[in-house]
Amino acid sequence: MSDVIQSGLAGSTWISTEAPGIEYAVLRPQPEGGATIFLRFAKGAHGAEHTHPGGEELYVVAGDITVGGKRLKAGDYLYTPPGMAHAAEAHEETVMLVSLPKLPVFL
């Protein structure tokens, strides 16, 4: 188990994105250039439309957010197939666990 990185929300190092109110913390880089991350949105933050070349899996840890027209709350899961696009808007502060085999491409 020495190669397993263990971290939680409290121990995460948050990195700001270019989008105001959106931060991420890397849990594990993935071989194709993606990563498993925590993604945190401030209330009212908007994530620009983007595609997922390798798909995306997300699990809402806390909050209320609309992703690709689907309203999600704590405990919800969403899979986005490779090549699909979506945007996001947080209705309250939201934290998600996100698995990205490849990094998204912003439109």
Protein backbone atom coordinates (compact mmCIF):
# COMPACT_ATOMS: atom_id res chain seq x y z
CA MET A 1 0.00 0.00 0.00
CA SER A 2 3.00 2.33 -0.07
CA ASP A 3 2.09 3.52 -3.60
CA VAL A 4 -1.42 4.60 -2.58
CA ILE A 5 -1.84 8.29 -1.87
CA GLN A 6 -4.32 8.90 0.90
CA SER A 7 -5.84 12.32 1.32
CA GLY A 8 -9.14 13.83 2.27
CA LEU A 9 -10.81 17.17 1.83
CA ALA A 10 -9.18 18.59 4.96
CA GLY A 11 -5.67 17.60 3.82
CA SER A 12 -6.04 18.74 0.22
CA THR A 13 -4.01 21.47 -1.45
CA TRP A 14 -6.46 23.55 -3.47
CA ILE A 15 -5.39 25.10 -6.78
CA SER A 16 -7.34 27.97 -8.36
CA THR A 17 -8.51 27.64 -11.95
CA GLU A 18 -8.94 30.42 -14.50
CA ALA A 19 -12.67 30.37 -13.72
CA PRO A 20 -13.53 32.50 -10.68
CA GLY A 21 -14.75 30.44 -7.73
CA ILE A 22 -13.54 27.05 -9.02
CA GLU A 23 -10.65 25.16 -7.42
CA TYR A 24 -9.32 21.61 -7.63
CA ALA A 25 -7.10 19.30 -5.59
CA VAL A 26 -5.28 16.40 -7.27
CA LEU A 27 -5.64 13.03 -5.56
CA ARG A 28 -3.95 10.88 -8.22
CA PRO A 29 -2.54 11.63 -11.67
CA GLN A 30 -3.70 9.16 -14.34
CA PRO A 31 -1.50 7.58 -17.06
CA GLU A 32 -3.19 9.29 -20.05
CA GLY A 33 -2.64 12.78 -18.61
CA GLY A 34 -5.86 13.04 -16.62
CA ALA A 35 -6.34 12.80 -12.88
CA THR A 36 -8.66 11.92 -10.04
CA ILE A 37 -9.48 15.20 -8.32
CA PHE A 38 -11.69 17.01 -5.87
CA LEU A 39 -13.39 19.90 -7.67
CA ARG A 40 -14.83 22.74 -5.57
CA PHE A 41 -17.27 25.39 -6.84
CA ALA A 42 -18.24 28.50 -4.87
CA LYS A 43 -21.94 29.33 -4.88
CA GLY A 44 -22.80 30.85 -8.28
CA ALA A 45 -19.56 29.74 -9.97
CA HIS A 46 -19.83 28.74 -13.65
CA GLY A 47 -17.68 26.14 -15.36
CA ALA A 48 -17.34 26.92 -19.07
CA GLU A 49 -18.50 24.43 -21.69
CA HIS A 50 -15.90 21.73 -22.32
CA THR A 51 -15.54 18.24 -23.79
CA HIS A 52 -14.15 15.11 -22.19
CA PRO A 53 -11.92 13.18 -24.64
CA GLY A 54 -11.64 10.29 -22.17
CA GLY A 55 -15.02 10.66 -20.50
CA GLU A 56 -15.67 11.79 -16.95
CA GLU A 57 -17.10 10.28 -13.80
CA LEU A 58 -18.20 12.56 -10.99
CA TYR A 59 -19.71 12.06 -7.56
CA VAL A 60 -21.17 15.00 -5.65
CA VAL A 61 -19.72 14.96 -2.13
CA ALA A 62 -21.61 18.07 -0.98
CA GLY A 63 -23.66 20.83 -2.56
CA ASP A 64 -26.06 21.48 -5.41
CA ILE A 65 -24.91 21.92 -9.02
CA THR A 66 -26.23 21.64 -12.58
CA VAL A 67 -23.91 19.80 -14.99
CA GLY A 68 -24.98 19.41 -18.60
CA GLY A 69 -28.58 20.27 -17.78
CA LYS A 70 -28.80 17.73 -14.93
CA ARG A 71 -29.33 19.03 -11.39
CA LEU A 72 -27.15 17.08 -8.95
CA LYS A 73 -26.97 17.07 -5.16
CA ALA A 74 -24.86 15.31 -2.53
CA GLY A 75 -24.76 11.59 -3.24
CA ASP A 76 -25.46 11.90 -6.99
CA TYR A 77 -23.23 10.35 -9.66
CA LEU A 78 -22.88 11.38 -13.31
CA TYR A 79 -21.00 9.71 -16.15
CA THR A 80 -20.12 11.75 -19.24
CA PRO A 81 -19.05 9.56 -22.20
CA PRO A 82 -15.91 10.40 -24.21
CA GLY A 83 -16.42 13.31 -26.61
CA MET A 84 -19.50 14.74 -24.90
CA ALA A 85 -19.62 18.39 -23.82
CA HIS A 86 -21.21 20.21 -20.90
CA ALA A 87 -20.98 23.27 -18.69
CA ALA A 88 -21.68 23.57 -14.95
CA GLU A 89 -23.30 26.03 -12.55
CA ALA A 90 -23.18 25.76 -8.76
CA HIS A 91 -26.38 26.66 -6.87
CA GLU A 92 -24.50 26.46 -3.57
CA GLU A 93 -20.92 25.66 -2.58
CA THR A 94 -20.27 22.24 -4.11
CA VAL A 95 -17.50 19.65 -3.83
CA MET A 96 -17.24 16.75 -6.28
CA LEU A 97 -14.93 13.78 -6.65
CA VAL A 98 -14.04 13.62 -10.36
CA SER A 99 -12.22 10.97 -12.39
CA LEU A 100 -10.76 12.24 -15.67
CA PRO A 101 -8.83 9.66 -17.74
CA LYS A 102 -7.79 12.59 -19.99
CA LEU A 103 -7.95 16.31 -19.26
CA PRO A 104 -10.99 18.22 -20.54
CA VAL A 105 -10.80 20.53 -23.57
CA PHE A 106 -12.48 23.91 -23.09
CA LEU A 107 -14.46 25.26 -26.04
